[in-house]
Amino acid sequence: MREQKAELRQNMLHYLRTIEETQFKKKCAQISARLIMDPLWQSARVVAVTISMAREVETRSLIESAWASGKKVAVPQCEPKTKTLMFCPIDSFSSLKPGHLGLMEPDVSKTGRIDPADLELVIVPGVVFDRRGFRIGYGGGYYDRLLSIYQGPTLSLLLSDQFIDQIPAEAHDKKVQVLLTEKDRIDTGGFAGHAYGNKGERAD
């Protein structure tokens, strides 16, 4: 199954590189506009989001929008030895530095840390998705480990082209609760978004 996921990942990464740049930016802008109007985004006071790179849905403008609306933004730092994520609040892109595998990560000496339990929305990256909410990431397992303990709302940003019919899911795979594309908002059935309290606990 690992080999099957790796093949799906590589095929999608190759496809994303073939999309014309203007079209890719247009779709990213449409996704960003939809996210900013989404109830999950609007209600969250502390959001976790990665710094996009290559052909990922662009997130820097979203981070700027979050700052402008008074949200606290937490960016993950990878811990390669344990393959876990540590989240750090940033209020400027100058708080970032190149980190694991060339990703832009927080400079912890400048930022401090945030307890994952205090995150009110986690934007989960991925490469391939199905409409059930399962995803294939980049193969490190960092977000799989996070999602095994994080109880709050999760949302992924993706192009509609990143869907396949069905991802071969394993027992440890966790669904992302909302999938947002340039065309659709898909609630995978994990929760009714308004029914969560500030820390992802059911309020009903």
N, C-alpha and C. Protein backbone atom coordinates (compact mmCIF):
# COMPACT_ATOMS: atom_id res chain seq x y z
N MET A 1 0.82 -1.20 0.00
CA MET A 1 0.00 0.00 0.00
C MET A 1 0.86 1.26 0.00
N ARG A 2 2.00 1.19 0.68
CA ARG A 2 2.91 2.34 0.69
C ARG A 2 3.39 2.68 -0.71
N GLU A 3 3.70 1.64 -1.48
CA GLU A 3 4.15 1.88 -2.86
C GLU A 3 3.03 2.48 -3.70
N GLN A 4 1.81 2.04 -3.48
CA GLN A 4 0.66 2.57 -4.22
C GLN A 4 0.46 4.05 -3.90
N LYS A 5 0.58 4.42 -2.63
CA LYS A 5 0.43 5.82 -2.23
C LYS A 5 1.56 6.66 -2.82
N ALA A 6 2.78 6.12 -2.81
CA ALA A 6 3.91 6.86 -3.36
C ALA A 6 3.71 7.13 -4.85
N GLU A 7 3.16 6.15 -5.57
CA GLU A 7 2.91 6.35 -7.00
C GLU A 7 1.83 7.41 -7.22
N LEU A 8 0.77 7.37 -6.43
CA LEU A 8 -0.28 8.37 -6.54
C LEU A 8 0.26 9.77 -6.25
N ARG A 9 1.11 9.85 -5.23
CA ARG A 9 1.72 11.14 -4.87
C ARG A 9 2.57 11.68 -6.01
N GLN A 10 3.42 10.85 -6.57
CA GLN A 10 4.31 11.32 -7.63
C GLN A 10 3.53 11.69 -8.88
N ASN A 11 2.52 10.94 -9.20
CA ASN A 11 1.70 11.26 -10.38
C ASN A 11 1.02 12.62 -10.21
N MET A 12 0.50 12.90 -9.01
CA MET A 12 -0.17 14.16 -8.79
C MET A 12 0.82 15.32 -8.78
N LEU A 13 1.96 15.14 -8.15
CA LEU A 13 2.96 16.21 -8.15
C LEU A 13 3.40 16.55 -9.58
N HIS A 14 3.55 15.52 -10.40
CA HIS A 14 3.90 15.75 -11.80
C HIS A 14 2.79 16.53 -12.50
N TYR A 15 1.55 16.13 -12.27
CA TYR A 15 0.43 16.83 -12.91
C TYR A 15 0.38 18.30 -12.48
N LEU A 16 0.55 18.57 -11.19
CA LEU A 16 0.48 19.94 -10.71
C LEU A 16 1.53 20.83 -11.37
N ARG A 17 2.68 20.25 -11.66
CA ARG A 17 3.74 21.03 -12.31
C ARG A 17 3.38 21.39 -13.75
N THR A 18 2.43 20.68 -14.34
CA THR A 18 2.06 20.96 -15.74
C THR A 18 1.01 22.06 -15.87
N ILE A 19 0.41 22.47 -14.76
CA ILE A 19 -0.64 23.49 -14.82
C ILE A 19 -0.01 24.84 -15.15
N GLU A 20 -0.58 25.54 -16.09
CA GLU A 20 -0.06 26.85 -16.48
C GLU A 20 -0.13 27.81 -15.30
N GLU A 21 0.92 28.62 -15.13
CA GLU A 21 1.08 29.43 -13.93
C GLU A 21 -0.08 30.39 -13.69
N THR A 22 -0.54 31.06 -14.73
CA THR A 22 -1.64 32.00 -14.56
C THR A 22 -2.90 31.29 -14.08
N GLN A 23 -3.17 30.11 -14.62
CA GLN A 23 -4.34 29.34 -14.22
C GLN A 23 -4.20 28.86 -12.78
N PHE A 24 -3.00 28.44 -12.42
CA PHE A 24 -2.77 27.98 -11.05
C PHE A 24 -3.02 29.12 -10.06
N LYS A 25 -2.48 30.30 -10.34
CA LYS A 25 -2.67 31.44 -9.44
C LYS A 25 -4.13 31.84 -9.35
N LYS A 26 -4.85 31.75 -10.45
CA LYS A 26 -6.28 32.07 -10.44
C LYS A 26 -7.04 31.13 -9.52
N LYS A 27 -6.75 29.85 -9.61
CA LYS A 27 -7.43 28.88 -8.76
C LYS A 27 -7.08 29.09 -7.30
N CYS A 28 -5.82 29.40 -7.02
CA CYS A 28 -5.41 29.68 -5.64
C CYS A 28 -6.18 30.88 -5.08
N ALA A 29 -6.32 31.92 -5.89
CA ALA A 29 -7.04 33.11 -5.46
C ALA A 29 -8.51 32.78 -5.17
N GLN A 30 -9.11 31.93 -5.99
CA GLN A 30 -10.50 31.53 -5.77
C GLN A 30 -10.64 30.74 -4.47
N ILE A 31 -9.68 29.86 -4.21
CA ILE A 31 -9.72 29.08 -2.98
C ILE A 31 -9.56 29.99 -1.77
N SER A 32 -8.63 30.93 -1.85
CA SER A 32 -8.40 31.86 -0.74
C SER A 32 -9.66 32.67 -0.44
N ALA A 33 -10.32 33.14 -1.49
CA ALA A 33 -11.53 33.93 -1.31
C ALA A 33 -12.63 33.10 -0.63
N ARG A 34 -12.72 31.83 -0.99
CA ARG A 34 -13.72 30.97 -0.37
C ARG A 34 -13.39 30.70 1.09
N LEU A 35 -12.11 30.51 1.38
CA LEU A 35 -11.72 30.24 2.76
C LEU A 35 -12.02 31.42 3.67
N ILE A 36 -11.71 32.62 3.22
CA ILE A 36 -11.90 33.81 4.05
C ILE A 36 -13.37 33.99 4.43
N MET A 37 -14.27 33.49 3.58
CA MET A 37 -15.71 33.59 3.86
C MET A 37 -16.25 32.38 4.61
N ASP A 38 -15.42 31.37 4.82
CA ASP A 38 -15.88 30.13 5.44
C ASP A 38 -16.11 30.31 6.94
N PRO A 39 -17.20 29.77 7.47
CA PRO A 39 -17.47 29.93 8.91
C PRO A 39 -16.37 29.40 9.81
N LEU A 40 -15.72 28.31 9.43
CA LEU A 40 -14.64 27.77 10.25
C LEU A 40 -13.50 28.78 10.38
N TRP A 41 -13.13 29.38 9.25
CA TRP A 41 -12.05 30.38 9.26
C TRP A 41 -12.48 31.62 10.04
N GLN A 42 -13.69 32.07 9.80
CA GLN A 42 -14.14 33.32 10.43
C GLN A 42 -14.25 33.19 11.94
N SER A 43 -14.61 32.02 12.43
CA SER A 43 -14.80 31.86 13.87
C SER A 43 -13.52 31.52 14.61
N ALA A 44 -12.51 31.02 13.92
CA ALA A 44 -11.27 30.60 14.59
C ALA A 44 -10.42 31.81 14.95
N ARG A 45 -9.95 31.83 16.19
CA ARG A 45 -9.07 32.92 16.64
C ARG A 45 -7.59 32.53 16.55
N VAL A 46 -7.32 31.23 16.54
CA VAL A 46 -5.95 30.73 16.43
C VAL A 46 -5.93 29.70 15.31
N VAL A 47 -5.24 30.00 14.22
CA VAL A 47 -5.22 29.09 13.07
C VAL A 47 -3.80 28.60 12.82
N ALA A 48 -3.69 27.34 12.47
CA ALA A 48 -2.41 26.74 12.12
C ALA A 48 -2.34 26.55 10.62
N VAL A 49 -1.27 27.01 10.01
CA VAL A 49 -1.15 26.93 8.56
C VAL A 49 0.32 26.84 8.18
N THR A 50 0.62 26.03 7.18
CA THR A 50 1.99 25.92 6.69
C THR A 50 2.30 27.06 5.73
N ILE A 51 3.57 27.32 5.53
CA ILE A 51 4.02 28.27 4.52
C ILE A 51 4.11 27.50 3.20
N SER A 52 3.28 27.87 2.25
CA SER A 52 3.21 27.12 1.00
C SER A 52 4.50 27.23 0.20
N MET A 53 4.73 26.21 -0.61
CA MET A 53 5.87 26.21 -1.51
C MET A 53 5.49 25.44 -2.77
N ALA A 54 6.24 25.70 -3.83
CA ALA A 54 6.03 25.01 -5.11
C ALA A 54 4.56 25.10 -5.53
N ARG A 55 3.94 23.96 -5.89
CA ARG A 55 2.56 23.98 -6.38
C ARG A 55 1.55 23.62 -5.28
N GLU A 56 1.76 24.19 -4.09
CA GLU A 56 0.75 24.12 -3.05
C GLU A 56 -0.14 25.36 -3.14
N VAL A 57 -1.39 25.23 -2.71
CA VAL A 57 -2.26 26.40 -2.66
C VAL A 57 -1.58 27.48 -1.81
N GLU A 58 -1.49 28.67 -2.37
CA GLU A 58 -0.71 29.76 -1.76
C GLU A 58 -1.31 30.18 -0.43
N THR A 59 -0.47 30.31 0.61
CA THR A 59 -0.97 30.63 1.95
C THR A 59 -0.48 31.95 2.52
N ARG A 60 0.50 32.57 1.92
CA ARG A 60 1.01 33.82 2.52
C ARG A 60 -0.06 34.90 2.56
N SER A 61 -0.85 35.00 1.51
CA SER A 61 -1.91 36.01 1.50
C SER A 61 -2.96 35.69 2.55
N LEU A 62 -3.21 34.40 2.79
CA LEU A 62 -4.15 34.01 3.83
C LEU A 62 -3.63 34.39 5.21
N ILE A 63 -2.35 34.20 5.42
CA ILE A 63 -1.75 34.57 6.70
C ILE A 63 -1.86 36.08 6.92
N GLU A 64 -1.60 36.85 5.87
CA GLU A 64 -1.74 38.30 5.98
C GLU A 64 -3.18 38.69 6.30
N SER A 65 -4.13 38.00 5.68
CA SER A 65 -5.54 38.25 5.96
C SER A 65 -5.88 37.92 7.40
N ALA A 66 -5.31 36.83 7.90
CA ALA A 66 -5.55 36.44 9.29
C ALA A 66 -5.02 37.51 10.25
N TRP A 67 -3.81 37.96 9.99
CA TRP A 67 -3.26 39.03 10.84
C TRP A 67 -4.17 40.27 10.81
N ALA A 68 -4.61 40.63 9.62
CA ALA A 68 -5.42 41.85 9.46
C ALA A 68 -6.74 41.74 10.23
N SER A 69 -7.25 40.52 10.39
CA SER A 69 -8.52 40.34 11.09
C SER A 69 -8.33 40.01 12.57
N GLY A 70 -7.09 40.08 13.04
CA GLY A 70 -6.82 39.89 14.47
C GLY A 70 -6.62 38.46 14.90
N LYS A 71 -6.46 37.55 13.97
CA LYS A 71 -6.22 36.16 14.33
C LYS A 71 -4.75 35.94 14.71
N LYS A 72 -4.54 34.94 15.54
CA LYS A 72 -3.19 34.48 15.82
C LYS A 72 -2.86 33.36 14.84
N VAL A 73 -1.69 33.45 14.21
CA VAL A 73 -1.27 32.46 13.21
C VAL A 73 -0.14 31.62 13.78
N ALA A 74 -0.33 30.31 13.73
CA ALA A 74 0.70 29.37 14.18
C ALA A 74 1.22 28.59 12.99
N VAL A 75 2.52 28.55 12.85
CA VAL A 75 3.18 27.85 11.74
C VAL A 75 3.94 26.66 12.31
N PRO A 76 3.88 25.50 11.66
CA PRO A 76 4.54 24.32 12.20
C PRO A 76 6.04 24.30 11.95
N GLN A 77 6.73 23.70 12.91
CA GLN A 77 8.13 23.36 12.74
C GLN A 77 8.25 21.85 12.86
N CYS A 78 8.95 21.23 11.92
CA CYS A 78 9.11 19.78 11.92
C CYS A 78 10.19 19.36 12.90
N GLU A 79 9.92 18.29 13.63
CA GLU A 79 10.91 17.66 14.50
C GLU A 79 11.26 16.30 13.88
N PRO A 80 12.31 16.26 13.03
CA PRO A 80 12.58 15.05 12.25
C PRO A 80 12.84 13.79 13.09
N LYS A 81 13.42 13.94 14.28
CA LYS A 81 13.72 12.76 15.08
C LYS A 81 12.47 12.02 15.52
N THR A 82 11.43 12.78 15.82
CA THR A 82 10.18 12.17 16.30
C THR A 82 9.08 12.23 15.25
N LYS A 83 9.35 12.92 14.14
CA LYS A 83 8.36 13.14 13.08
C LYS A 83 7.07 13.75 13.64
N THR A 84 7.26 14.74 14.49
CA THR A 84 6.13 15.46 15.07
C THR A 84 6.24 16.93 14.69
N LEU A 85 5.16 17.67 14.95
CA LEU A 85 5.10 19.08 14.64
C LEU A 85 5.02 19.90 15.91
N MET A 86 5.75 21.00 15.94
CA MET A 86 5.65 21.98 17.00
C MET A 86 5.12 23.26 16.36
N PHE A 87 4.13 23.88 16.98
CA PHE A 87 3.52 25.07 16.40
C PHE A 87 3.99 26.33 17.12
N CYS A 88 4.30 27.33 16.32
CA CYS A 88 4.84 28.58 16.85
C CYS A 88 4.07 29.76 16.28
N PRO A 89 3.71 30.73 17.11
CA PRO A 89 2.99 31.91 16.61
C PRO A 89 3.95 32.85 15.88
N ILE A 90 3.52 33.38 14.75
CA ILE A 90 4.31 34.38 14.05
C ILE A 90 3.43 35.60 13.77
N ASP A 91 4.04 36.76 13.83
CA ASP A 91 3.32 37.98 13.45
C ASP A 91 4.03 38.73 12.34
N SER A 92 5.04 38.05 11.76
CA SER A 92 5.79 38.62 10.65
C SER A 92 6.50 37.49 9.92
N PHE A 93 6.62 37.62 8.61
CA PHE A 93 7.36 36.61 7.86
C PHE A 93 8.85 36.64 8.17
N SER A 94 9.31 37.71 8.80
CA SER A 94 10.71 37.78 9.20
C SER A 94 11.02 36.81 10.34
N SER A 95 9.98 36.23 10.94
CA SER A 95 10.17 35.25 12.01
C SER A 95 10.45 33.85 11.46
N LEU A 96 10.51 33.72 10.13
CA LEU A 96 10.72 32.43 9.49
C LEU A 96 12.17 32.25 9.06
N LYS A 97 12.56 30.99 8.92
CA LYS A 97 13.88 30.66 8.39
C LYS A 97 13.77 29.31 7.69
N PRO A 98 14.69 29.02 6.76
CA PRO A 98 14.65 27.70 6.11
C PRO A 98 14.84 26.59 7.12
N GLY A 99 14.00 25.57 7.02
CA GLY A 99 14.06 24.47 7.98
C GLY A 99 14.16 23.13 7.30
N HIS A 100 13.48 22.14 7.85
CA HIS A 100 13.54 20.77 7.38
C HIS A 100 13.12 20.68 5.91
N LEU A 101 13.96 20.06 5.09
CA LEU A 101 13.70 19.85 3.66
C LEU A 101 13.43 21.16 2.90
N GLY A 102 13.98 22.25 3.40
CA GLY A 102 13.84 23.53 2.72
C GLY A 102 12.56 24.27 3.02
N LEU A 103 11.71 23.71 3.88
CA LEU A 103 10.47 24.38 4.25
C LEU A 103 10.77 25.63 5.07
N MET A 104 9.95 26.65 4.90
CA MET A 104 10.08 27.83 5.74
C MET A 104 9.38 27.55 7.07
N GLU A 105 10.15 27.66 8.14
CA GLU A 105 9.65 27.32 9.46
C GLU A 105 9.94 28.46 10.44
N PRO A 106 9.23 28.47 11.57
CA PRO A 106 9.47 29.53 12.56
C PRO A 106 10.85 29.42 13.19
N ASP A 107 11.41 30.55 13.48
CA ASP A 107 12.62 30.62 14.29
C ASP A 107 12.17 30.66 15.75
N VAL A 108 12.27 29.52 16.43
CA VAL A 108 11.69 29.39 17.76
C VAL A 108 12.27 30.40 18.74
N SER A 109 13.50 30.82 18.51
CA SER A 109 14.11 31.82 19.41
C SER A 109 13.39 33.15 19.33
N LYS A 110 12.61 33.36 18.26
CA LYS A 110 11.89 34.62 18.09
C LYS A 110 10.39 34.49 18.38
N THR A 111 9.89 33.27 18.44
CA THR A 111 8.43 33.10 18.42
C THR A 111 7.81 32.50 19.66
N GLY A 112 8.48 31.57 20.32
CA GLY A 112 7.82 30.78 21.35
C GLY A 112 7.01 29.66 20.75
N ARG A 113 6.12 29.06 21.54
CA ARG A 113 5.35 27.90 21.08
C ARG A 113 3.88 28.04 21.46
N ILE A 114 3.05 27.26 20.76
CA ILE A 114 1.62 27.18 21.06
C ILE A 114 1.26 25.73 21.31
N ASP A 115 0.52 25.48 22.37
CA ASP A 115 0.01 24.14 22.65
C ASP A 115 -0.99 23.77 21.55
N PRO A 116 -0.84 22.62 20.91
CA PRO A 116 -1.80 22.22 19.87
C PRO A 116 -3.25 22.25 20.34
N ALA A 117 -3.48 22.06 21.64
CA ALA A 117 -4.85 22.10 22.16
C ALA A 117 -5.46 23.49 22.05
N ASP A 118 -4.62 24.50 21.87
CA ASP A 118 -5.12 25.87 21.75
C ASP A 118 -5.43 26.26 20.31
N LEU A 119 -5.12 25.39 19.37
CA LEU A 119 -5.42 25.68 17.97
C LEU A 119 -6.91 25.52 17.72
N GLU A 120 -7.51 26.47 17.04
CA GLU A 120 -8.95 26.43 16.79
C GLU A 120 -9.28 26.03 15.35
N LEU A 121 -8.27 25.94 14.51
CA LEU A 121 -8.42 25.43 13.15
C LEU A 121 -7.04 25.05 12.63
N VAL A 122 -6.92 23.86 12.08
CA VAL A 122 -5.67 23.42 11.47
C VAL A 122 -5.90 23.24 9.97
N ILE A 123 -5.13 23.96 9.17
CA ILE A 123 -5.14 23.79 7.72
C ILE A 123 -4.15 22.67 7.40
N VAL A 124 -4.65 21.56 6.91
CA VAL A 124 -3.84 20.36 6.72
C VAL A 124 -3.39 20.28 5.26
N PRO A 125 -2.08 20.28 5.01
CA PRO A 125 -1.62 20.16 3.63
C PRO A 125 -1.74 18.74 3.12
N GLY A 126 -1.69 18.59 1.81
CA GLY A 126 -1.73 17.27 1.21
C GLY A 126 -1.51 17.36 -0.28
N VAL A 127 -1.32 16.22 -0.90
CA VAL A 127 -1.05 16.15 -2.34
C VAL A 127 -2.24 15.55 -3.09
N VAL A 128 -2.77 14.45 -2.57
CA VAL A 128 -3.88 13.75 -3.20
C VAL A 128 -4.99 13.57 -2.17
N PHE A 129 -6.24 13.71 -2.60
CA PHE A 129 -7.37 13.61 -1.69
C PHE A 129 -8.48 12.78 -2.33
N ASP A 130 -9.35 12.21 -1.48
CA ASP A 130 -10.62 11.73 -1.99
C ASP A 130 -11.73 12.45 -1.24
N ARG A 131 -12.96 12.31 -1.72
CA ARG A 131 -14.06 13.10 -1.18
C ARG A 131 -14.56 12.59 0.17
N ARG A 132 -14.00 11.49 0.63
CA ARG A 132 -14.30 11.04 1.99
C ARG A 132 -13.51 11.83 3.03
N GLY A 133 -12.45 12.52 2.57
CA GLY A 133 -11.60 13.27 3.48
C GLY A 133 -10.23 12.66 3.72
N PHE A 134 -9.97 11.51 3.10
CA PHE A 134 -8.64 10.91 3.24
C PHE A 134 -7.66 11.62 2.31
N ARG A 135 -6.40 11.63 2.70
CA ARG A 135 -5.39 12.38 1.97
C ARG A 135 -4.08 11.60 1.92
N ILE A 136 -3.28 11.93 0.92
CA ILE A 136 -1.89 11.49 0.86
C ILE A 136 -1.04 12.73 0.95
N GLY A 137 -0.18 12.78 1.95
CA GLY A 137 0.71 13.92 2.12
C GLY A 137 2.02 13.69 1.40
N TYR A 138 3.07 14.22 2.01
CA TYR A 138 4.39 14.13 1.37
C TYR A 138 5.20 12.93 1.86
N GLY A 139 4.61 12.12 2.71
CA GLY A 139 5.25 10.87 3.08
C GLY A 139 5.94 10.86 4.42
N GLY A 140 5.99 12.00 5.10
CA GLY A 140 6.70 12.05 6.38
C GLY A 140 5.86 11.59 7.56
N GLY A 141 4.56 11.63 7.44
CA GLY A 141 3.68 11.19 8.52
C GLY A 141 3.48 12.21 9.62
N TYR A 142 3.96 13.45 9.43
CA TYR A 142 3.87 14.47 10.49
C TYR A 142 2.41 14.79 10.82
N TYR A 143 1.62 15.05 9.80
CA TYR A 143 0.23 15.43 10.06
C TYR A 143 -0.61 14.23 10.47
N ASP A 144 -0.26 13.04 10.03
CA ASP A 144 -0.96 11.85 10.52
C ASP A 144 -0.81 11.75 12.04
N ARG A 145 0.37 12.03 12.53
CA ARG A 145 0.59 11.97 13.98
C ARG A 145 -0.18 13.08 14.69
N LEU A 146 -0.18 14.26 14.10
CA LEU A 146 -0.94 15.36 14.71
C LEU A 146 -2.42 15.02 14.76
N LEU A 147 -2.98 14.53 13.66
CA LEU A 147 -4.41 14.27 13.60
C LEU A 147 -4.84 13.12 14.50
N SER A 148 -3.90 12.31 14.95
CA SER A 148 -4.24 11.24 15.87
C SER A 148 -4.50 11.76 17.27
N ILE A 149 -4.07 12.99 17.56
CA ILE A 149 -4.26 13.55 18.91
C ILE A 149 -5.06 14.85 18.90
N TYR A 150 -5.06 15.57 17.79
CA TYR A 150 -5.75 16.86 17.73
C TYR A 150 -7.25 16.63 17.54
N GLN A 151 -8.06 17.29 18.37
CA GLN A 151 -9.50 17.05 18.35
C GLN A 151 -10.31 18.18 17.72
N GLY A 152 -9.65 19.24 17.29
CA GLY A 152 -10.37 20.39 16.76
C GLY A 152 -10.64 20.30 15.27
N PRO A 153 -11.24 21.35 14.70
CA PRO A 153 -11.59 21.36 13.28
C PRO A 153 -10.36 21.32 12.38
N THR A 154 -10.48 20.58 11.28
CA THR A 154 -9.41 20.49 10.28
C THR A 154 -9.98 20.78 8.91
N LEU A 155 -9.17 21.41 8.08
CA LEU A 155 -9.60 21.81 6.74
C LEU A 155 -8.41 21.74 5.81
N SER A 156 -8.64 21.27 4.60
CA SER A 156 -7.57 21.25 3.59
C SER A 156 -7.94 22.11 2.40
N LEU A 157 -6.95 22.76 1.82
CA LEU A 157 -7.09 23.58 0.63
C LEU A 157 -6.50 22.83 -0.55
N LEU A 158 -7.26 22.68 -1.61
CA LEU A 158 -6.76 21.91 -2.74
C LEU A 158 -7.47 22.32 -4.02
N LEU A 159 -6.80 22.07 -5.14
CA LEU A 159 -7.44 22.22 -6.43
C LEU A 159 -8.40 21.04 -6.63
N SER A 160 -9.49 21.29 -7.33
CA SER A 160 -10.43 20.20 -7.61
C SER A 160 -9.75 19.08 -8.39
N ASP A 161 -8.68 19.40 -9.10
CA ASP A 161 -7.92 18.39 -9.86
C ASP A 161 -7.17 17.41 -8.95
N GLN A 162 -7.06 17.73 -7.66
CA GLN A 162 -6.29 16.88 -6.75
C GLN A 162 -7.12 15.74 -6.17
N PHE A 163 -8.37 15.63 -6.57
CA PHE A 163 -9.20 14.51 -6.13
C PHE A 163 -8.95 13.28 -6.99
N ILE A 164 -8.96 12.12 -6.35
CA ILE A 164 -9.08 10.85 -7.05
C ILE A 164 -10.30 10.14 -6.47
N ASP A 165 -10.71 9.05 -7.09
CA ASP A 165 -11.93 8.37 -6.66
C ASP A 165 -11.82 7.86 -5.23
N GLN A 166 -10.71 7.19 -4.93
CA GLN A 166 -10.58 6.62 -3.59
C GLN A 166 -9.12 6.41 -3.25
N ILE A 167 -8.73 6.90 -2.09
CA ILE A 167 -7.38 6.69 -1.58
C ILE A 167 -7.36 5.40 -0.77
N PRO A 168 -6.35 4.56 -0.96
CA PRO A 168 -6.25 3.35 -0.13
C PRO A 168 -5.93 3.73 1.31
N ALA A 169 -6.95 3.74 2.17
CA ALA A 169 -6.78 4.19 3.54
C ALA A 169 -6.37 3.04 4.45
N GLU A 170 -5.50 3.37 5.41
CA GLU A 170 -5.07 2.40 6.41
C GLU A 170 -5.71 2.74 7.75
N ALA A 171 -5.56 1.85 8.71
CA ALA A 171 -6.25 2.02 10.00
C ALA A 171 -5.87 3.32 10.69
N HIS A 172 -4.61 3.76 10.51
CA HIS A 172 -4.14 4.96 11.22
C HIS A 172 -4.49 6.25 10.48
N ASP A 173 -4.99 6.16 9.27
CA ASP A 173 -5.29 7.36 8.49
C ASP A 173 -6.51 8.07 9.07
N LYS A 174 -6.42 9.40 9.18
CA LYS A 174 -7.50 10.21 9.72
C LYS A 174 -8.06 11.13 8.64
N LYS A 175 -9.37 11.30 8.66
CA LYS A 175 -10.01 12.19 7.70
C LYS A 175 -9.76 13.65 8.04
N VAL A 176 -9.64 14.46 6.99
CA VAL A 176 -9.76 15.90 7.14
C VAL A 176 -11.26 16.21 7.09
N GLN A 177 -11.70 17.12 7.96
CA GLN A 177 -13.15 17.29 8.13
C GLN A 177 -13.80 18.14 7.04
N VAL A 178 -13.06 19.09 6.49
CA VAL A 178 -13.59 19.93 5.42
C VAL A 178 -12.57 20.04 4.31
N LEU A 179 -13.01 19.87 3.06
CA LEU A 179 -12.17 20.02 1.89
C LEU A 179 -12.69 21.22 1.10
N LEU A 180 -11.79 22.17 0.83
CA LEU A 180 -12.19 23.40 0.15
C LEU A 180 -11.40 23.55 -1.14
N THR A 181 -12.13 23.59 -2.27
CA THR A 181 -11.51 23.77 -3.58
C THR A 181 -11.99 25.08 -4.19
N GLU A 182 -11.54 25.36 -5.40
CA GLU A 182 -12.01 26.55 -6.10
C GLU A 182 -13.48 26.42 -6.51
N LYS A 183 -14.03 25.20 -6.40
CA LYS A 183 -15.42 24.95 -6.82
C LYS A 183 -16.34 24.54 -5.68
N ASP A 184 -15.82 23.81 -4.70
CA ASP A 184 -16.68 23.14 -3.73
C ASP A 184 -16.19 23.31 -2.30
N ARG A 185 -17.14 23.13 -1.38
CA ARG A 185 -16.84 22.92 0.04
C ARG A 185 -17.44 21.58 0.41
N ILE A 186 -16.61 20.64 0.81
CA ILE A 186 -17.08 19.29 1.11
C ILE A 186 -16.88 19.03 2.59
N ASP A 187 -17.98 18.84 3.31
CA ASP A 187 -17.94 18.41 4.70
C ASP A 187 -17.93 16.88 4.68
N THR A 188 -16.88 16.29 5.18
CA THR A 188 -16.72 14.84 5.08
C THR A 188 -17.51 14.08 6.14
N GLY A 189 -18.25 14.81 6.96
CA GLY A 189 -19.09 14.15 7.94
C GLY A 189 -18.47 14.02 9.30
N GLY A 190 -17.28 14.61 9.46
CA GLY A 190 -16.59 14.51 10.75
C GLY A 190 -17.26 15.32 11.85
N PHE A 191 -17.93 16.39 11.48
CA PHE A 191 -18.57 17.23 12.49
C PHE A 191 -19.46 18.24 11.80
N ALA A 192 -20.33 18.87 12.58
CA ALA A 192 -21.03 20.07 12.13
C ALA A 192 -20.25 21.23 12.68
N GLY A 193 -19.63 22.00 11.81
CA GLY A 193 -18.62 22.96 12.23
C GLY A 193 -19.03 23.87 13.36
N HIS A 194 -20.29 24.34 13.38
CA HIS A 194 -20.71 25.27 14.42
C HIS A 194 -20.85 24.60 15.77
N ALA A 195 -20.81 23.27 15.81
CA ALA A 195 -21.07 22.56 17.06
C ALA A 195 -19.82 22.39 17.91
N TYR A 196 -18.71 22.96 17.49
CA TYR A 196 -17.48 22.84 18.24
C TYR A 196 -17.26 24.06 19.10
N GLY A 197 -16.71 23.82 20.28
CA GLY A 197 -16.30 24.91 21.13
C GLY A 197 -14.95 25.43 20.70
N ASN A 198 -14.35 26.31 21.47
CA ASN A 198 -13.13 26.98 21.07
C ASN A 198 -11.96 26.03 20.86
N LYS A 199 -11.95 24.92 21.58
CA LYS A 199 -10.82 24.02 21.46
C LYS A 199 -11.21 22.71 20.78
N GLY A 200 -12.25 22.78 19.94
CA GLY A 200 -12.61 21.61 19.16
C GLY A 200 -13.48 20.61 19.90
N GLU A 201 -13.93 20.95 21.10
CA GLU A 201 -14.78 20.04 21.83
C GLU A 201 -16.22 20.21 21.37
N ARG A 202 -16.97 19.13 21.39
CA ARG A 202 -18.36 19.22 21.02
C ARG A 202 -19.09 20.14 22.01
N ALA A 203 -19.86 21.08 21.47
CA ALA A 203 -20.58 21.99 22.34
C ALA A 203 -22.01 21.55 22.56
N ASP A 204 -22.40 20.44 21.93
CA ASP A 204 -23.77 19.99 22.12
C ASP A 204 -23.81 18.68 22.88
